[in-house]
PDB file of N, CA and C in Angstrom:
ATOM      1  N   UNK A   1      79.316 138.505-122.117  1.00  0.00           N
ATOM      2  CA  UNK A   1      80.129 138.366-123.292  1.00  0.00           C
ATOM      3  C   UNK A   1      79.427 137.382-124.237  1.00  0.00           C
ATOM      4  N   UNK A   2      79.375 137.749-125.521  1.00  0.00           N
ATOM      5  CA  UNK A   2      78.741 136.910-126.528  1.00  0.00           C
ATOM      6  C   UNK A   2      79.741 136.598-127.627  1.00  0.00           C
ATOM      7  N   UNK A   3      79.867 135.334-127.996  1.00  0.00           N
ATOM      8  CA  UNK A   3      80.799 134.931-129.049  1.00  0.00           C
ATOM      9  C   UNK A   3      80.094 134.931-130.399  1.00  0.00           C
ATOM     10  N   UNK A   4      80.836 135.332-131.446  1.00  0.00           N
ATOM     11  CA  UNK A   4      80.328 135.266-132.809  1.00  0.00           C
ATOM     12  C   UNK A   4      81.508 135.300-133.766  1.00  0.00           C
ATOM     13  N   UNK A   5      81.226 135.530-135.047  1.00  0.00           N
ATOM     14  CA  UNK A   5      82.248 135.587-136.083  1.00  0.00           C
ATOM     15  C   UNK A   5      82.187 136.945-136.761  1.00  0.00           C
ATOM     16  N   UNK A   6      83.345 137.527-137.053  1.00  0.00           N
ATOM     17  CA  UNK A   6      83.402 138.825-137.733  1.00  0.00           C
ATOM     18  C   UNK A   6      82.863 138.677-139.155  1.00  0.00           C
ATOM     19  N   UNK A   7      81.969 139.559-139.555  1.00  0.00           N
ATOM     20  CA  UNK A   7      81.424 139.538-140.914  1.00  0.00           C
ATOM     21  C   UNK A   7      82.439 139.988-141.948  1.00  0.00           C
ATOM     22  N   UNK A   8      83.482 140.678-141.513  1.00  0.00           N
ATOM     23  CA  UNK A   8      84.485 141.171-142.446  1.00  0.00           C
ATOM     24  C   UNK A   8      85.571 140.165-142.755  1.00  0.00           C
ATOM     25  N   UNK A   9      86.178 139.588-141.710  1.00  0.00           N
ATOM     26  CA  UNK A   9      87.330 138.705-141.918  1.00  0.00           C
ATOM     27  C   UNK A   9      87.069 137.243-141.567  1.00  0.00           C
ATOM     28  N   UNK A  10      85.946 136.974-140.898  1.00  0.00           N
ATOM     29  CA  UNK A  10      85.595 135.601-140.558  1.00  0.00           C
ATOM     30  C   UNK A  10      86.242 135.054-139.301  1.00  0.00           C
ATOM     31  N   UNK A  11      87.012 135.874-138.602  1.00  0.00           N
ATOM     32  CA  UNK A  11      87.671 135.420-137.376  1.00  0.00           C
ATOM     33  C   UNK A  11      86.687 135.438-136.206  1.00  0.00           C
ATOM     34  N   UNK A  12      86.944 134.608-135.176  1.00  0.00           N
ATOM     35  CA  UNK A  12      86.096 134.630-133.977  1.00  0.00           C
ATOM     36  C   UNK A  12      86.248 135.958-133.238  1.00  0.00           C
ATOM     37  N   UNK A  13      85.155 136.444-132.686  1.00  0.00           N
ATOM     38  CA  UNK A  13      85.155 137.650-131.855  1.00  0.00           C
ATOM     39  C   UNK A  13      84.225 137.426-130.673  1.00  0.00           C
ATOM     40  N   UNK A  14      84.408 138.225-129.641  1.00  0.00           N
ATOM     41  CA  UNK A  14      83.463 138.256-128.524  1.00  0.00           C
ATOM     42  C   UNK A  14      82.994 139.692-128.378  1.00  0.00           C
ATOM     43  N   UNK A  15      81.738 139.858-128.016  1.00  0.00           N
ATOM     44  CA  UNK A  15      81.151 141.182-127.836  1.00  0.00           C
ATOM     45  C   UNK A  15      81.009 141.473-126.363  1.00  0.00           C
ATOM     46  N   UNK A  16      81.397 142.687-125.974  1.00  0.00           N
ATOM     47  CA  UNK A  16      81.148 143.138-124.607  1.00  0.00           C
ATOM     48  C   UNK A  16      80.362 144.435-124.674  1.00  0.00           C
ATOM     49  N   UNK A  17      79.724 144.768-123.576  1.00  0.00           N
ATOM     50  CA  UNK A  17      78.993 146.025-123.485  1.00  0.00           C
ATOM     51  C   UNK A  17      79.752 146.960-122.555  1.00  0.00           C
ATOM     52  N   UNK A  18      80.000 148.178-123.031  1.00  0.00           N
ATOM     53  CA  UNK A  18      80.707 149.176-122.232  1.00  0.00           C
ATOM     54  C   UNK A  18      79.763 149.722-121.159  1.00  0.00           C
ATOM     55  N   UNK A  19      80.283 150.413-120.156  1.00  0.00           N
ATOM     56  CA  UNK A  19      79.415 150.977-119.122  1.00  0.00           C
ATOM     57  C   UNK A  19      78.344 151.930-119.674  1.00  0.00           C
ATOM     58  N   UNK A  20      78.602 152.556-120.835  1.00  0.00           N
ATOM     59  CA  UNK A  20      77.587 153.457-121.407  1.00  0.00           C
ATOM     60  C   UNK A  20      76.660 152.741-122.394  1.00  0.00           C
ATOM     61  N   UNK A  21      76.715 151.392-122.429  1.00  0.00           N
ATOM     62  CA  UNK A  21      75.758 150.617-123.212  1.00  0.00           C
ATOM     63  C   UNK A  21      76.149 150.340-124.655  1.00  0.00           C
ATOM     64  N   UNK A  22      77.344 150.720-125.082  1.00  0.00           N
ATOM     65  CA  UNK A  22      77.779 150.440-126.451  1.00  0.00           C
ATOM     66  C   UNK A  22      78.417 149.052-126.503  1.00  0.00           C
ATOM     67  N   UNK A  23      78.192 148.343-127.613  1.00  0.00           N
ATOM     68  CA  UNK A  23      78.786 147.025-127.802  1.00  0.00           C
ATOM     69  C   UNK A  23      80.044 147.155-128.656  1.00  0.00           C
ATOM     70  N   UNK A  24      81.129 146.490-128.223  1.00  0.00           N
ATOM     71  CA  UNK A  24      82.362 146.515-128.997  1.00  0.00           C
ATOM     72  C   UNK A  24      82.887 145.085-129.161  1.00  0.00           C
ATOM     73  N   UNK A  25      83.479 144.790-130.346  1.00  0.00           N
ATOM     74  CA  UNK A  25      84.036 143.454-130.582  1.00  0.00           C
ATOM     75  C   UNK A  25      85.475 143.364-130.086  1.00  0.00           C
ATOM     76  N   UNK A  26      85.817 142.225-129.477  1.00  0.00           N
ATOM     77  CA  UNK A  26      87.176 141.983-128.991  1.00  0.00           C
ATOM     78  C   UNK A  26      87.692 140.677-129.567  1.00  0.00           C
ATOM     79  N   UNK A  27      89.012 140.597-129.723  1.00  0.00           N
ATOM     80  CA  UNK A  27      89.648 139.341-130.111  1.00  0.00           C
ATOM     81  C   UNK A  27      89.698 138.439-128.879  1.00  0.00           C
ATOM     82  N   UNK A  28      89.196 137.195-128.986  1.00  0.00           N
ATOM     83  CA  UNK A  28      89.185 136.312-127.820  1.00  0.00           C
ATOM     84  C   UNK A  28      90.519 135.635-127.547  1.00  0.00           C
ATOM     85  N   UNK A  29      91.465 135.729-128.468  1.00  0.00           N
ATOM     86  CA  UNK A  29      92.761 135.062-128.334  1.00  0.00           C
ATOM     87  C   UNK A  29      93.867 136.100-128.205  1.00  0.00           C
ATOM     88  N   UNK A  30      95.073 135.664-127.830  1.00  0.00           N
ATOM     89  CA  UNK A  30      96.183 136.612-127.703  1.00  0.00           C
ATOM     90  C   UNK A  30      96.370 137.427-128.967  1.00  0.00           C
ATOM     91  N   UNK A  31      96.913 138.634-128.902  1.00  0.00           N
ATOM     92  CA  UNK A  31      97.589 139.138-127.715  1.00  0.00           C
ATOM     93  C   UNK A  31      96.608 139.604-126.644  1.00  0.00           C
ATOM     94  N   UNK A  32      96.901 139.239-125.427  1.00  0.00           N
ATOM     95  CA  UNK A  32      96.164 139.699-124.248  1.00  0.00           C
ATOM     96  C   UNK A  32      97.164 140.447-123.389  1.00  0.00           C
ATOM     97  N   UNK A  33      96.805 141.616-122.952  1.00  0.00           N
ATOM     98  CA  UNK A  33      97.724 142.462-122.204  1.00  0.00           C
ATOM     99  C   UNK A  33      97.420 142.452-120.719  1.00  0.00           C
ATOM    100  N   UNK A  34      98.457 142.514-119.907  1.00  0.00           N
ATOM    101  CA  UNK A  34      98.298 142.607-118.462  1.00  0.00           C
ATOM    102  C   UNK A  34      98.330 144.081-118.090  1.00  0.00           C
ATOM    103  N   UNK A  35      97.300 144.523-117.405  1.00  0.00           N
ATOM    104  CA  UNK A  35      97.177 145.920-116.999  1.00  0.00           C
ATOM    105  C   UNK A  35      97.243 145.983-115.483  1.00  0.00           C
ATOM    106  N   UNK A  36      98.104 146.828-114.981  1.00  0.00           N
ATOM    107  CA  UNK A  36      98.240 147.003-113.538  1.00  0.00           C
ATOM    108  C   UNK A  36      97.404 148.202-113.120  1.00  0.00           C
ATOM    109  N   UNK A  37      96.525 147.993-112.170  1.00  0.00           N
ATOM    110  CA  UNK A  37      95.610 149.063-111.797  1.00  0.00           C
ATOM    111  C   UNK A  37      96.147 149.992-110.711  1.00  0.00           C
ATOM    112  N   UNK A  38      97.163 149.562-109.975  1.00  0.00           N
ATOM    113  CA  UNK A  38      97.630 150.427-108.890  1.00  0.00           C
ATOM    114  C   UNK A  38      99.071 150.920-109.072  1.00  0.00           C
ATOM    115  N   UNK A  39      99.720 150.562-110.184  1.00  0.00           N
ATOM    116  CA  UNK A  39     101.060 151.052-110.462  1.00  0.00           C
ATOM    117  C   UNK A  39     102.173 150.297-109.773  1.00  0.00           C
ATOM    118  N   UNK A  40     101.851 149.349-108.895  1.00  0.00           N
ATOM    119  CA  UNK A  40     102.879 148.601-108.176  1.00  0.00           C
ATOM    120  C   UNK A  40     102.892 147.122-108.548  1.00  0.00           C
ATOM    121  N   UNK A  41     102.103 146.734-109.510  1.00  0.00           N
ATOM    122  CA  UNK A  41     102.078 145.327-109.915  1.00  0.00           C
ATOM    123  C   UNK A  41     101.050 144.492-109.190  1.00  0.00           C
ATOM    124  N   UNK A  42     100.269 145.105-108.335  1.00  0.00           N
ATOM    125  CA  UNK A  42      99.225 144.373-107.623  1.00  0.00           C
ATOM    126  C   UNK A  42      97.894 144.533-108.357  1.00  0.00           C
ATOM    127  N   UNK A  43      97.006 143.598-108.138  1.00  0.00           N
ATOM    128  CA  UNK A  43      95.666 143.622-108.745  1.00  0.00           C
ATOM    129  C   UNK A  43      95.728 143.707-110.269  1.00  0.00           C
ATOM    130  N   UNK A  44      96.583 142.892-110.867  1.00  0.00           N
ATOM    131  CA  UNK A  44      96.667 142.849-112.318  1.00  0.00           C
ATOM    132  C   UNK A  44      95.380 142.270-112.894  1.00  0.00           C
ATOM    133  N   UNK A  45      95.113 142.611-114.139  1.00  0.00           N
ATOM    134  CA  UNK A  45      93.990 142.010-114.852  1.00  0.00           C
ATOM    135  C   UNK A  45      94.381 141.866-116.306  1.00  0.00           C
ATOM    136  N   UNK A  46      93.799 140.889-116.954  1.00  0.00           N
ATOM    137  CA  UNK A  46      94.081 140.659-118.365  1.00  0.00           C
ATOM    138  C   UNK A  46      93.067 141.411-119.203  1.00  0.00           C
ATOM    139  N   UNK A  47      93.531 142.000-120.284  1.00  0.00           N
ATOM    140  CA  UNK A  47      92.663 142.765-121.169  1.00  0.00           C
ATOM    141  C   UNK A  47      92.781 142.253-122.597  1.00  0.00           C
ATOM    142  N   UNK A  48      91.657 142.109-123.265  1.00  0.00           N
ATOM    143  CA  UNK A  48      91.652 141.689-124.660  1.00  0.00           C
ATOM    144  C   UNK A  48      91.778 142.910-125.565  1.00  0.00           C
ATOM    145  N   UNK A  49      92.160 142.663-126.807  1.00  0.00           N
ATOM    146  CA  UNK A  49      92.367 143.717-127.789  1.00  0.00           C
ATOM    147  C   UNK A  49      91.097 143.923-128.604  1.00  0.00           C
ATOM    148  N   UNK A  50      90.773 145.188-128.901  1.00  0.00           N
ATOM    149  CA  UNK A  50      89.637 145.489-129.761  1.00  0.00           C
ATOM    150  C   UNK A  50      89.851 144.860-131.132  1.00  0.00           C
ATOM    151  N   UNK A  51      88.825 144.217-131.669  1.00  0.00           N
ATOM    152  CA  UNK A  51      88.935 143.607-132.987  1.00  0.00           C
ATOM    153  C   UNK A  51      89.099 144.668-134.072  1.00  0.00           C
ATOM    154  N   UNK A  52      88.677 145.898-133.815  1.00  0.00           N
ATOM    155  CA  UNK A  52      88.882 146.977-134.778  1.00  0.00           C
ATOM    156  C   UNK A  52      90.376 147.212-135.021  1.00  0.00           C
ATOM    157  N   UNK A  53      91.218 146.897-134.047  1.00  0.00           N
ATOM    158  CA  UNK A  53      92.660 147.100-134.180  1.00  0.00           C
ATOM    159  C   UNK A  53      93.331 146.000-134.994  1.00  0.00           C
ATOM    160  N   UNK A  54      92.714 144.830-135.108  1.00  0.00           N
ATOM    161  CA  UNK A  54      93.354 143.697-135.784  1.00  0.00           C
ATOM    162  C   UNK A  54      92.647 143.237-137.050  1.00  0.00           C
ATOM    163  N   UNK A  55      91.427 143.670-137.275  1.00  0.00           N
ATOM    164  CA  UNK A  55      90.654 143.209-138.433  1.00  0.00           C
ATOM    165  C   UNK A  55      91.127 143.905-139.713  1.00  0.00           C
ATOM    166  N   UNK A  56      91.474 143.154-140.751  1.00  0.00           N
ATOM    167  CA  UNK A  56      91.893 143.775-142.004  1.00  0.00           C
ATOM    168  C   UNK A  56      90.745 144.500-142.715  1.00  0.00           C
ATOM    169  N   UNK A  57      89.523 144.236-142.302  1.00  0.00           N
ATOM    170  CA  UNK A  57      88.341 144.861-142.919  1.00  0.00           C
ATOM    171  C   UNK A  57      87.701 145.909-142.011  1.00  0.00           C
ATOM    172  N   UNK A  58      88.387 146.346-140.985  1.00  0.00           N
ATOM    173  CA  UNK A  58      87.810 147.263-139.988  1.00  0.00           C
ATOM    174  C   UNK A  58      87.251 148.532-140.617  1.00  0.00           C
ATOM    175  N   UNK A  59      87.894 149.050-141.643  1.00  0.00           N
ATOM    176  CA  UNK A  59      87.420 150.292-142.254  1.00  0.00           C
ATOM    177  C   UNK A  59      86.051 150.130-142.902  1.00  0.00           C
ATOM    178  N   UNK A  60      85.677 148.892-143.243  1.00  0.00           N
ATOM    179  CA  UNK A  60      84.350 148.648-143.819  1.00  0.00           C
ATOM    180  C   UNK A  60      83.240 148.903-142.808  1.00  0.00           C
ATOM    181  N   UNK A  61      83.573 148.888-141.529  1.00  0.00           N
ATOM    182  CA  UNK A  61      82.582 149.067-140.470  1.00  0.00           C
ATOM    183  C   UNK A  61      82.645 150.450-139.822  1.00  0.00           C
ATOM    184  N   UNK A  62      83.496 151.309-140.347  1.00  0.00           N
ATOM    185  CA  UNK A  62      83.647 152.668-139.812  1.00  0.00           C
ATOM    186  C   UNK A  62      82.401 153.495-140.079  1.00  0.00           C
ATOM    187  N   UNK A  63      81.984 154.262-139.095  1.00  0.00           N
ATOM    188  CA  UNK A  63      80.805 155.128-139.258  1.00  0.00           C
ATOM    189  C   UNK A  63      81.024 156.157-140.368  1.00  0.00           C
ATOM    190  N   UNK A  64      82.271 156.546-140.611  1.00  0.00           N
ATOM    191  CA  UNK A  64      82.545 157.532-141.653  1.00  0.00           C
ATOM    192  C   UNK A  64      82.393 156.959-143.065  1.00  0.00           C
ATOM    193  N   UNK A  65      82.351 155.623-143.169  1.00  0.00           N
ATOM    194  CA  UNK A  65      82.176 154.987-144.476  1.00  0.00           C
ATOM    195  C   UNK A  65      80.733 154.653-144.787  1.00  0.00           C
ATOM    196  N   UNK A  66      79.832 154.981-143.912  1.00  0.00           N
ATOM    197  CA  UNK A  66      78.410 154.625-144.122  1.00  0.00           C
ATOM    198  C   UNK A  66      77.694 155.689-144.892  1.00  0.00           C
TER     199      UNK A  66
END
């Protein structure tokens, strides 16, 4: 995970790499969601939200706008 600042809105973001090698920005602060992997409440994990979902300038980075 690499920390940086969004070029669109100036908020802090962290970058992760997906299993297929793509990098995506995430919000490092809440909201953070608890995801249950087995359906019974065991082995919970916390998940961060994609910065594309919260950034007011996200459309500026859309591939369709290039």
